[in-house]
Amino acid sequence: MGDKLLLIYEALLARYGQLHWWPAKTPYEVIVGAVLTQNTAWSNVEKAIANFGDTLTPEAVMDADLSELTKLIRPAGFFNQKAVYLKAVTAWFARYDFDVPAVQRESLSKVRAELLSVKGVGCETADSILLYAFGFPTFVVDAYTIRLCERYPIEAGKNYAAVKDFFERNFPRSVEGYNTFHALIVINAKEHCRKKPVCCECPLNEPCRKYGL
């Protein structure tokens, strides 16, 4: 199975190259984006982040009242819930004095458990923050990853934990590798592996059991 993952990775990399995901100016912007992208398109997240201008800092979010915060993040949808979530995850970051190296000195398992205890932070959000904001080697699973596994097919399991474990056991462990592979899966899903697949010129078309459907 490890060989199959490497073949997928190499095919996607040959097509799309290095994508340098996640698009953010600071680790805290990654944290905000990981919360705001829940149940919405990334284009909406970009609009919400743009509303902050140069004030997207943990201190500013901590000091903002909820009504002000909901106005800023309105483009991302579910803004009342997400404002509460942003406050909660920022309060978690405050425990480390908003210091990225202080978080990085802790173990992956400890920080992941802390994040999963924060209101509004599930597995995908936590792993996105860990990988992209703090550089921990943890694989991010999303709907696109599960769709790839079902269609290729890869017998990785049916839930988040199983698929994450499969990729981490069968693909070389590194921050750069996990970052790039996840980004490649996302871009290919948007280009080809959509809900209604666009198989023509997909770099994974021949082995895929959805090919031509």
C-alpha atoms as a PDB file:
ATOM      1  CA  MET A   1       0.000   0.000   0.000  1.00  0.00           C
ATOM      2  CA  GLY A   2       2.929   2.309   0.639  1.00  0.00           C
ATOM      3  CA  ASP A   3       4.024   1.908  -2.961  1.00  0.00           C
ATOM      4  CA  LYS A   4       0.536   2.875  -4.142  1.00  0.00           C
ATOM      5  CA  LEU A   5       0.599   6.091  -2.099  1.00  0.00           C
ATOM      6  CA  LEU A   6       4.023   6.981  -3.471  1.00  0.00           C
ATOM      7  CA  LEU A   7       2.808   6.421  -7.035  1.00  0.00           C
ATOM      8  CA  ILE A   8      -0.158   8.716  -6.407  1.00  0.00           C
ATOM      9  CA  TYR A   9       2.068  11.347  -4.832  1.00  0.00           C
ATOM     10  CA  GLU A  10       4.596  11.232  -7.660  1.00  0.00           C
ATOM     11  CA  ALA A  11       1.886  11.425 -10.345  1.00  0.00           C
ATOM     12  CA  LEU A  12       0.267  14.435  -8.685  1.00  0.00           C
ATOM     13  CA  LEU A  13       3.608  16.132  -8.049  1.00  0.00           C
ATOM     14  CA  ALA A  14       4.633  15.674 -11.677  1.00  0.00           C
ATOM     15  CA  ARG A  15       1.398  17.369 -12.786  1.00  0.00           C
ATOM     16  CA  TYR A  16       1.110  20.220 -10.279  1.00  0.00           C
ATOM     17  CA  GLY A  17       4.570  20.699  -8.780  1.00  0.00           C
ATOM     18  CA  GLN A  18       5.202  22.152  -5.316  1.00  0.00           C
ATOM     19  CA  LEU A  19       2.134  24.142  -4.229  1.00  0.00           C
ATOM     20  CA  HIS A  20       3.517  25.781  -1.061  1.00  0.00           C
ATOM     21  CA  TRP A  21       0.272  25.381   0.837  1.00  0.00           C
ATOM     22  CA  TRP A  22      -1.051  26.844   3.285  1.00  0.00           C
ATOM     23  CA  PRO A  23      -1.454  30.407   1.906  1.00  0.00           C
ATOM     24  CA  ALA A  24      -0.981  32.652   4.957  1.00  0.00           C
ATOM     25  CA  LYS A  25       1.295  35.453   6.148  1.00  0.00           C
ATOM     26  CA  THR A  26       1.652  34.262   9.744  1.00  0.00           C
ATOM     27  CA  PRO A  27       1.053  31.119  11.818  1.00  0.00           C
ATOM     28  CA  TYR A  28      -1.857  32.866  13.519  1.00  0.00           C
ATOM     29  CA  GLU A  29      -3.462  33.552  10.140  1.00  0.00           C
ATOM     30  CA  VAL A  30      -3.253  29.801   9.514  1.00  0.00           C
ATOM     31  CA  ILE A  31      -5.103  29.198  12.789  1.00  0.00           C
ATOM     32  CA  VAL A  32      -7.819  31.675  11.808  1.00  0.00           C
ATOM     33  CA  GLY A  33      -8.100  30.221   8.311  1.00  0.00           C
ATOM     34  CA  ALA A  34      -8.379  26.680   9.660  1.00  0.00           C
ATOM     35  CA  VAL A  35     -11.389  27.705  11.748  1.00  0.00           C
ATOM     36  CA  LEU A  36     -13.040  29.884   9.111  1.00  0.00           C
ATOM     37  CA  THR A  37     -12.749  27.300   6.321  1.00  0.00           C
ATOM     38  CA  GLN A  38     -15.121  24.933   8.110  1.00  0.00           C
ATOM     39  CA  ASN A  39     -18.154  24.339   5.871  1.00  0.00           C
ATOM     40  CA  THR A  40     -17.262  27.027   3.352  1.00  0.00           C
ATOM     41  CA  ALA A  41     -15.159  27.674   0.252  1.00  0.00           C
ATOM     42  CA  TRP A  42     -11.659  29.054   0.650  1.00  0.00           C
ATOM     43  CA  SER A  43     -12.612  32.104  -1.438  1.00  0.00           C
ATOM     44  CA  ASN A  44     -15.014  33.100   1.344  1.00  0.00           C
ATOM     45  CA  VAL A  45     -12.257  32.695   3.925  1.00  0.00           C
ATOM     46  CA  GLU A  46     -10.024  35.019   1.912  1.00  0.00           C
ATOM     47  CA  LYS A  47     -12.728  37.681   1.957  1.00  0.00           C
ATOM     48  CA  ALA A  48     -13.113  37.365   5.726  1.00  0.00           C
ATOM     49  CA  ILE A  49      -9.366  37.534   6.328  1.00  0.00           C
ATOM     50  CA  ALA A  50      -9.106  40.582   4.057  1.00  0.00           C
ATOM     51  CA  ASN A  51     -11.624  42.355   6.297  1.00  0.00           C
ATOM     52  CA  PHE A  52      -9.055  42.389   9.098  1.00  0.00           C
ATOM     53  CA  GLY A  53      -6.557  44.343   7.018  1.00  0.00           C
ATOM     54  CA  ASP A  54      -3.346  44.601   9.031  1.00  0.00           C
ATOM     55  CA  THR A  55      -5.093  43.849  12.332  1.00  0.00           C
ATOM     56  CA  LEU A  56      -5.247  40.059  12.146  1.00  0.00           C
ATOM     57  CA  THR A  57      -3.328  39.372  15.342  1.00  0.00           C
ATOM     58  CA  PRO A  58      -4.236  37.194  18.322  1.00  0.00           C
ATOM     59  CA  GLU A  59      -4.241  40.276  20.547  1.00  0.00           C
ATOM     60  CA  ALA A  60      -6.764  42.037  18.292  1.00  0.00           C
ATOM     61  CA  VAL A  61      -9.066  39.025  18.236  1.00  0.00           C
ATOM     62  CA  MET A  62      -8.816  38.630  22.002  1.00  0.00           C
ATOM     63  CA  ASP A  63      -9.746  42.292  22.509  1.00  0.00           C
ATOM     64  CA  ALA A  64     -12.545  42.423  19.908  1.00  0.00           C
ATOM     65  CA  ASP A  65     -16.086  41.946  21.129  1.00  0.00           C
ATOM     66  CA  LEU A  66     -18.151  39.205  19.509  1.00  0.00           C
ATOM     67  CA  SER A  67     -20.367  41.574  17.529  1.00  0.00           C
ATOM     68  CA  GLU A  68     -17.309  43.226  15.975  1.00  0.00           C
ATOM     69  CA  LEU A  69     -15.755  39.855  15.210  1.00  0.00           C
ATOM     70  CA  THR A  70     -18.900  38.472  13.573  1.00  0.00           C
ATOM     71  CA  LYS A  71     -19.010  41.459  11.214  1.00  0.00           C
ATOM     72  CA  LEU A  72     -15.425  40.875  10.125  1.00  0.00           C
ATOM     73  CA  ILE A  73     -15.828  37.146   9.461  1.00  0.00           C
ATOM     74  CA  ARG A  74     -19.338  37.298   7.972  1.00  0.00           C
ATOM     75  CA  PRO A  75     -18.172  36.256   4.445  1.00  0.00           C
ATOM     76  CA  ALA A  76     -17.025  32.891   5.855  1.00  0.00           C
ATOM     77  CA  GLY A  77     -20.551  31.917   6.934  1.00  0.00           C
ATOM     78  CA  PHE A  78     -21.689  30.493  10.294  1.00  0.00           C
ATOM     79  CA  PHE A  79     -20.163  33.691  11.647  1.00  0.00           C
ATOM     80  CA  ASN A  80     -21.809  33.610  15.070  1.00  0.00           C
ATOM     81  CA  GLN A  81     -20.410  30.151  15.797  1.00  0.00           C
ATOM     82  CA  LYS A  82     -17.033  30.830  14.228  1.00  0.00           C
ATOM     83  CA  ALA A  83     -16.550  34.039  16.229  1.00  0.00           C
ATOM     84  CA  VAL A  84     -16.908  31.976  19.407  1.00  0.00           C
ATOM     85  CA  TYR A  85     -14.526  29.358  18.009  1.00  0.00           C
ATOM     86  CA  LEU A  86     -11.926  32.004  17.126  1.00  0.00           C
ATOM     87  CA  LYS A  87     -12.103  33.419  20.625  1.00  0.00           C
ATOM     88  CA  ALA A  88     -11.647  29.931  22.068  1.00  0.00           C
ATOM     89  CA  VAL A  89      -8.668  28.910  19.944  1.00  0.00           C
ATOM     90  CA  THR A  90      -7.036  32.304  20.503  1.00  0.00           C
ATOM     91  CA  ALA A  91      -7.461  31.845  24.255  1.00  0.00           C
ATOM     92  CA  TRP A  92      -5.696  28.481  23.880  1.00  0.00           C
ATOM     93  CA  PHE A  93      -2.821  30.170  22.013  1.00  0.00           C
ATOM     94  CA  ALA A  94      -2.639  32.801  24.767  1.00  0.00           C
ATOM     95  CA  ARG A  95      -1.608  30.045  27.185  1.00  0.00           C
ATOM     96  CA  TYR A  96       1.647  29.985  25.211  1.00  0.00           C
ATOM     97  CA  ASP A  97       1.880  33.808  25.134  1.00  0.00           C
ATOM     98  CA  PHE A  98       1.231  33.624  21.377  1.00  0.00           C
ATOM     99  CA  ASP A  99       4.739  32.212  21.001  1.00  0.00           C
ATOM    100  CA  VAL A 100       5.081  29.688  18.170  1.00  0.00           C
ATOM    101  CA  PRO A 101       8.385  28.159  19.411  1.00  0.00           C
ATOM    102  CA  ALA A 102       6.800  27.626  22.837  1.00  0.00           C
ATOM    103  CA  VAL A 103       4.106  25.475  21.205  1.00  0.00           C
ATOM    104  CA  GLN A 104       6.698  23.653  19.104  1.00  0.00           C
ATOM    105  CA  ARG A 105       8.647  22.647  22.198  1.00  0.00           C
ATOM    106  CA  GLU A 106       5.707  20.545  23.361  1.00  0.00           C
ATOM    107  CA  SER A 107       4.934  17.058  22.051  1.00  0.00           C
ATOM    108  CA  LEU A 108       2.609  16.595  19.093  1.00  0.00           C
ATOM    109  CA  SER A 109       0.288  14.382  21.135  1.00  0.00           C
ATOM    110  CA  LYS A 110       0.000  16.963  23.920  1.00  0.00           C
ATOM    111  CA  VAL A 111      -0.733  19.914  21.651  1.00  0.00           C
ATOM    112  CA  ARG A 112      -3.183  17.890  19.544  1.00  0.00           C
ATOM    113  CA  ALA A 113      -5.096  16.825  22.650  1.00  0.00           C
ATOM    114  CA  GLU A 114      -5.240  20.447  23.816  1.00  0.00           C
ATOM    115  CA  LEU A 115      -6.551  21.649  20.467  1.00  0.00           C
ATOM    116  CA  LEU A 116      -9.197  18.937  20.300  1.00  0.00           C
ATOM    117  CA  SER A 117     -10.485  20.124  23.671  1.00  0.00           C
ATOM    118  CA  VAL A 118     -11.061  23.657  22.282  1.00  0.00           C
ATOM    119  CA  LYS A 119     -14.635  24.494  21.319  1.00  0.00           C
ATOM    120  CA  GLY A 120     -15.124  24.275  17.558  1.00  0.00           C
ATOM    121  CA  VAL A 121     -11.854  22.462  16.838  1.00  0.00           C
ATOM    122  CA  GLY A 122     -12.278  18.987  15.347  1.00  0.00           C
ATOM    123  CA  CYS A 123      -9.689  16.616  13.942  1.00  0.00           C
ATOM    124  CA  GLU A 124      -9.237  18.266  10.547  1.00  0.00           C
ATOM    125  CA  THR A 125      -8.979  21.754  12.031  1.00  0.00           C
ATOM    126  CA  ALA A 126      -6.554  20.594  14.724  1.00  0.00           C
ATOM    127  CA  ASP A 127      -4.298  18.765  12.277  1.00  0.00           C
ATOM    128  CA  SER A 128      -4.327  21.726   9.871  1.00  0.00           C
ATOM    129  CA  ILE A 129      -3.196  24.024  12.679  1.00  0.00           C
ATOM    130  CA  LEU A 130      -0.552  21.558  13.859  1.00  0.00           C
ATOM    131  CA  LEU A 131       0.907  20.965  10.392  1.00  0.00           C
ATOM    132  CA  TYR A 132       0.622  24.371   8.765  1.00  0.00           C
ATOM    133  CA  ALA A 133       0.926  26.788  11.686  1.00  0.00           C
ATOM    134  CA  PHE A 134       3.383  24.919  13.910  1.00  0.00           C
ATOM    135  CA  GLY A 135       5.178  22.455  11.636  1.00  0.00           C
ATOM    136  CA  PHE A 136       4.225  19.219  13.380  1.00  0.00           C
ATOM    137  CA  PRO A 137       4.311  16.086  11.165  1.00  0.00           C
ATOM    138  CA  THR A 138       0.615  15.143  11.281  1.00  0.00           C
ATOM    139  CA  PHE A 139      -1.350  14.220   8.172  1.00  0.00           C
ATOM    140  CA  VAL A 140      -4.483  16.241   7.419  1.00  0.00           C
ATOM    141  CA  VAL A 141      -7.471  14.265   6.179  1.00  0.00           C
ATOM    142  CA  ASP A 142     -10.397  15.989   4.512  1.00  0.00           C
ATOM    143  CA  ALA A 143     -13.328  15.055   2.293  1.00  0.00           C
ATOM    144  CA  TYR A 144     -11.049  15.141  -0.740  1.00  0.00           C
ATOM    145  CA  THR A 145      -8.689  12.590   0.823  1.00  0.00           C
ATOM    146  CA  ILE A 146     -11.536  10.213   1.610  1.00  0.00           C
ATOM    147  CA  ARG A 147     -12.935  10.630  -1.893  1.00  0.00           C
ATOM    148  CA  LEU A 148      -9.540   9.761  -3.396  1.00  0.00           C
ATOM    149  CA  CYS A 149      -9.325   6.626  -1.265  1.00  0.00           C
ATOM    150  CA  GLU A 150     -12.786   5.491  -2.310  1.00  0.00           C
ATOM    151  CA  ARG A 151     -12.233   6.075  -6.006  1.00  0.00           C
ATOM    152  CA  TYR A 152      -8.650   4.994  -6.587  1.00  0.00           C
ATOM    153  CA  PRO A 153      -9.252   2.704  -4.588  1.00  0.00           C
ATOM    154  CA  ILE A 154      -7.164   2.629  -1.432  1.00  0.00           C
ATOM    155  CA  GLU A 155      -8.357   0.507   1.458  1.00  0.00           C
ATOM    156  CA  ALA A 156      -7.540   3.086   4.094  1.00  0.00           C
ATOM    157  CA  GLY A 157     -10.639   2.820   6.257  1.00  0.00           C
ATOM    158  CA  LYS A 158     -13.897   4.706   6.525  1.00  0.00           C
ATOM    159  CA  ASN A 159     -13.313   7.383   9.146  1.00  0.00           C
ATOM    160  CA  TYR A 160     -10.884  10.211   9.868  1.00  0.00           C
ATOM    161  CA  ALA A 161      -8.721   8.354  12.368  1.00  0.00           C
ATOM    162  CA  ALA A 162      -8.346   5.287  10.161  1.00  0.00           C
ATOM    163  CA  VAL A 163      -7.428   7.230   7.021  1.00  0.00           C
ATOM    164  CA  LYS A 164      -4.987   9.431   8.940  1.00  0.00           C
ATOM    165  CA  ASP A 165      -3.327   6.381  10.468  1.00  0.00           C
ATOM    166  CA  PHE A 166      -3.079   4.698   7.071  1.00  0.00           C
ATOM    167  CA  PHE A 167      -1.348   7.648   5.420  1.00  0.00           C
ATOM    168  CA  GLU A 168       1.027   8.137   8.342  1.00  0.00           C
ATOM    169  CA  ARG A 169       2.004   4.444   8.330  1.00  0.00           C
ATOM    170  CA  ASN A 170       2.432   4.182   4.567  1.00  0.00           C
ATOM    171  CA  PHE A 171       3.904   7.512   3.484  1.00  0.00           C
ATOM    172  CA  PRO A 172       7.292   8.877   4.586  1.00  0.00           C
ATOM    173  CA  ARG A 173       6.868  10.975   7.715  1.00  0.00           C
ATOM    174  CA  SER A 174       7.848  14.608   7.193  1.00  0.00           C
ATOM    175  CA  VAL A 175       6.256  18.016   7.499  1.00  0.00           C
ATOM    176  CA  GLU A 176       7.124  18.917   3.909  1.00  0.00           C
ATOM    177  CA  GLY A 177       5.840  15.611   2.539  1.00  0.00           C
ATOM    178  CA  TYR A 178       2.544  15.744   4.438  1.00  0.00           C
ATOM    179  CA  ASN A 179       2.101  19.388   3.485  1.00  0.00           C
ATOM    180  CA  THR A 180       2.715  18.765  -0.208  1.00  0.00           C
ATOM    181  CA  PHE A 181       0.665  15.557  -0.447  1.00  0.00           C
ATOM    182  CA  HIS A 182      -2.384  17.127   1.170  1.00  0.00           C
ATOM    183  CA  ALA A 183      -2.130  20.178  -1.083  1.00  0.00           C
ATOM    184  CA  LEU A 184      -1.820  17.969  -4.182  1.00  0.00           C
ATOM    185  CA  ILE A 185      -4.897  15.957  -3.201  1.00  0.00           C
ATOM    186  CA  VAL A 186      -6.873  19.177  -2.729  1.00  0.00           C
ATOM    187  CA  ILE A 187      -5.893  20.731  -6.064  1.00  0.00           C
ATOM    188  CA  ASN A 188      -6.557  17.521  -7.986  1.00  0.00           C
ATOM    189  CA  ALA A 189      -9.954  17.197  -6.327  1.00  0.00           C
ATOM    190  CA  LYS A 190     -10.837  20.714  -7.452  1.00  0.00           C
ATOM    191  CA  GLU A 191      -9.527  20.173 -10.965  1.00  0.00           C
ATOM    192  CA  HIS A 192     -10.656  16.591 -11.617  1.00  0.00           C
ATOM    193  CA  CYS A 193     -11.846  14.505  -8.677  1.00  0.00           C
ATOM    194  CA  ARG A 194     -15.027  16.478  -8.081  1.00  0.00           C
ATOM    195  CA  LYS A 195     -18.305  15.042  -6.866  1.00  0.00           C
ATOM    196  CA  LYS A 196     -19.029  14.546 -10.564  1.00  0.00           C
ATOM    197  CA  PRO A 197     -15.538  13.584 -11.746  1.00  0.00           C
ATOM    198  CA  VAL A 198     -13.800  15.256 -14.670  1.00  0.00           C
ATOM    199  CA  CYS A 199     -11.625  12.350 -15.718  1.00  0.00           C
ATOM    200  CA  CYS A 200     -10.165  13.756 -18.918  1.00  0.00           C
ATOM    201  CA  GLU A 201      -6.461  14.479 -18.364  1.00  0.00           C
ATOM    202  CA  CYS A 202      -6.591  13.563 -14.679  1.00  0.00           C
ATOM    203  CA  PRO A 203      -3.112  12.336 -13.690  1.00  0.00           C
ATOM    204  CA  LEU A 204      -4.710   9.451 -11.782  1.00  0.00           C
ATOM    205  CA  ASN A 205      -7.279   8.431 -14.381  1.00  0.00           C
ATOM    206  CA  GLU A 206      -6.176   4.976 -15.469  1.00  0.00           C
ATOM    207  CA  PRO A 207      -6.213   3.135 -12.104  1.00  0.00           C
ATOM    208  CA  CYS A 208      -9.255   5.015 -10.786  1.00  0.00           C
ATOM    209  CA  ARG A 209     -12.460   2.979 -10.676  1.00  0.00           C
ATOM    210  CA  LYS A 210     -14.479   6.161 -11.407  1.00  0.00           C
ATOM    211  CA  TYR A 211     -12.563   6.740 -14.649  1.00  0.00           C
ATOM    212  CA  GLY A 212     -14.901   7.451 -17.505  1.00  0.00           C
ATOM    213  CA  LEU A 213     -18.065   7.571 -15.393  1.00  0.00           C
END
